[in-house]
Amino acid sequence: MALEFTTANFDESVLKSDKPVLVDFWAEWCGPCRMVGPIVEELAGEYDGKAVVGKVNVDEHGEIAQQFGIRNIPTLLVFKNGEVVDKQVGVAPKTALAAKLDAQL
């Protein structure tokens, strides 16, 4: 299951992670986000132990979205060693997101 990243755990779970991290910036009211959600959940299961996969609800944690300049959702960022190394804005197939994670393993 994808983790829920919040202002309380973002630094520890994402920026200080020793594994690549995929972060899905989303909101309840966003139709395309609901299309990406199940893909993110599948990736969380498939990459368990190899990468960290989670989500940030931009309505509840807007300051995290602001910090990374998120203007459109869904936006997915891939972090490695605390830095953004890849980005996907909008809906993408699972294979494309998996390739972004694989490139960082």
Protein backbone atom coordinates (compact mmCIF):
# COMPACT_ATOMS: atom_id res chain seq x y z
CA MET A 1 0.00 0.00 0.00
CA ALA A 2 1.23 3.50 -0.86
CA LEU A 3 2.30 5.58 2.11
CA GLU A 4 0.60 8.86 2.99
CA PHE A 5 3.25 11.56 3.11
CA THR A 6 2.51 14.53 5.38
CA THR A 7 4.39 17.56 6.63
CA ALA A 8 5.23 15.46 9.71
CA ASN A 9 6.91 12.58 7.86
CA PHE A 10 7.97 13.97 4.46
CA ASP A 11 11.58 14.84 5.34
CA GLU A 12 12.23 11.50 7.04
CA SER A 13 10.31 9.30 4.57
CA VAL A 14 11.26 11.03 1.31
CA LEU A 15 14.24 13.35 1.60
CA LYS A 16 16.25 11.10 3.93
CA SER A 17 15.29 7.78 2.32
CA ASP A 18 18.13 5.49 1.26
CA LYS A 19 15.88 4.15 -1.53
CA PRO A 20 14.35 5.92 -4.55
CA VAL A 21 10.97 7.48 -3.70
CA LEU A 22 7.96 8.02 -5.99
CA VAL A 23 5.63 10.75 -4.71
CA ASP A 24 2.15 11.21 -6.20
CA PHE A 25 0.76 14.72 -5.62
CA TRP A 26 -3.03 14.38 -5.83
CA ALA A 27 -6.43 15.59 -4.54
CA GLU A 28 -9.76 13.90 -3.87
CA TRP A 29 -11.63 16.06 -6.44
CA CYS A 30 -9.14 15.44 -9.28
CA GLY A 31 -10.44 12.99 -11.91
CA PRO A 32 -7.06 12.20 -13.51
CA CYS A 33 -5.64 11.64 -10.00
CA ARG A 34 -8.21 8.89 -9.48
CA MET A 35 -6.91 7.25 -12.67
CA VAL A 36 -3.30 7.33 -11.42
CA GLY A 37 -4.16 6.23 -7.85
CA PRO A 38 -4.57 2.49 -8.55
CA ILE A 39 -1.32 2.48 -10.57
CA VAL A 40 0.53 4.07 -7.65
CA GLU A 41 -0.93 1.42 -5.30
CA GLU A 42 0.23 -1.39 -7.63
CA LEU A 43 3.73 0.09 -7.84
CA ALA A 44 3.85 0.36 -4.04
CA GLY A 45 3.31 -3.40 -3.81
CA GLU A 46 5.65 -4.32 -6.65
CA TYR A 47 8.54 -2.13 -5.43
CA ASP A 48 8.16 -2.99 -1.73
CA GLY A 49 11.67 -3.26 -0.30
CA LYS A 50 13.27 -1.72 -3.40
CA ALA A 51 11.71 1.76 -3.46
CA VAL A 52 9.31 3.87 -1.41
CA VAL A 53 5.99 4.81 -3.01
CA GLY A 54 3.54 7.28 -1.52
CA LYS A 55 1.15 10.15 -1.98
CA VAL A 56 0.73 13.76 -0.87
CA ASN A 57 -2.80 15.15 -0.69
CA VAL A 58 -2.25 18.73 -1.92
CA ASP A 59 -5.41 19.99 -0.19
CA GLU A 60 -4.18 18.78 3.20
CA HIS A 61 -0.44 19.41 2.70
CA GLY A 62 -0.25 22.31 0.26
CA GLU A 63 3.03 23.53 1.72
CA ILE A 64 4.80 20.39 0.41
CA ALA A 65 3.31 20.96 -3.05
CA GLN A 66 4.42 24.60 -2.91
CA GLN A 67 7.94 23.60 -1.86
CA PHE A 68 8.31 21.57 -5.07
CA GLY A 69 6.46 23.97 -7.38
CA ILE A 70 3.51 21.65 -8.04
CA ARG A 71 1.04 23.60 -10.20
CA ASN A 72 -0.91 20.76 -11.85
CA ILE A 73 -2.07 17.44 -10.49
CA PRO A 74 -1.49 14.64 -10.74
CA THR A 75 2.24 15.29 -10.65
CA LEU A 76 4.58 12.45 -9.75
CA LEU A 77 8.12 13.18 -8.61
CA VAL A 78 10.93 10.65 -8.26
CA PHE A 79 13.44 11.44 -5.52
CA LYS A 80 16.88 9.95 -4.98
CA ASN A 81 19.19 11.03 -2.16
CA GLY A 82 16.79 13.83 -1.28
CA GLU A 83 16.78 15.35 -4.78
CA VAL A 84 14.11 15.35 -7.51
CA VAL A 85 15.57 13.24 -10.33
CA ASP A 86 12.49 12.70 -12.51
CA LYS A 87 8.99 14.10 -12.99
CA GLN A 88 5.70 13.13 -14.62
CA VAL A 89 2.89 15.66 -14.97
CA GLY A 90 -0.51 14.18 -15.80
CA VAL A 91 -1.67 10.62 -16.30
CA ALA A 92 0.94 8.13 -17.48
CA PRO A 93 0.82 4.36 -18.01
CA LYS A 94 2.17 2.10 -15.31
CA THR A 95 5.08 1.05 -17.55
CA ALA A 96 6.26 4.67 -17.84
CA LEU A 97 6.19 5.20 -14.07
CA ALA A 98 7.89 1.85 -13.44
CA ALA A 99 10.65 2.81 -15.90
CA LYS A 100 11.26 6.04 -13.97
CA LEU A 101 11.69 4.06 -10.75
CA ASP A 102 13.79 1.34 -12.42
CA ALA A 103 16.19 4.00 -13.70
CA GLN A 104 16.97 4.94 -10.09
CA LEU A 105 17.43 1.44 -8.65
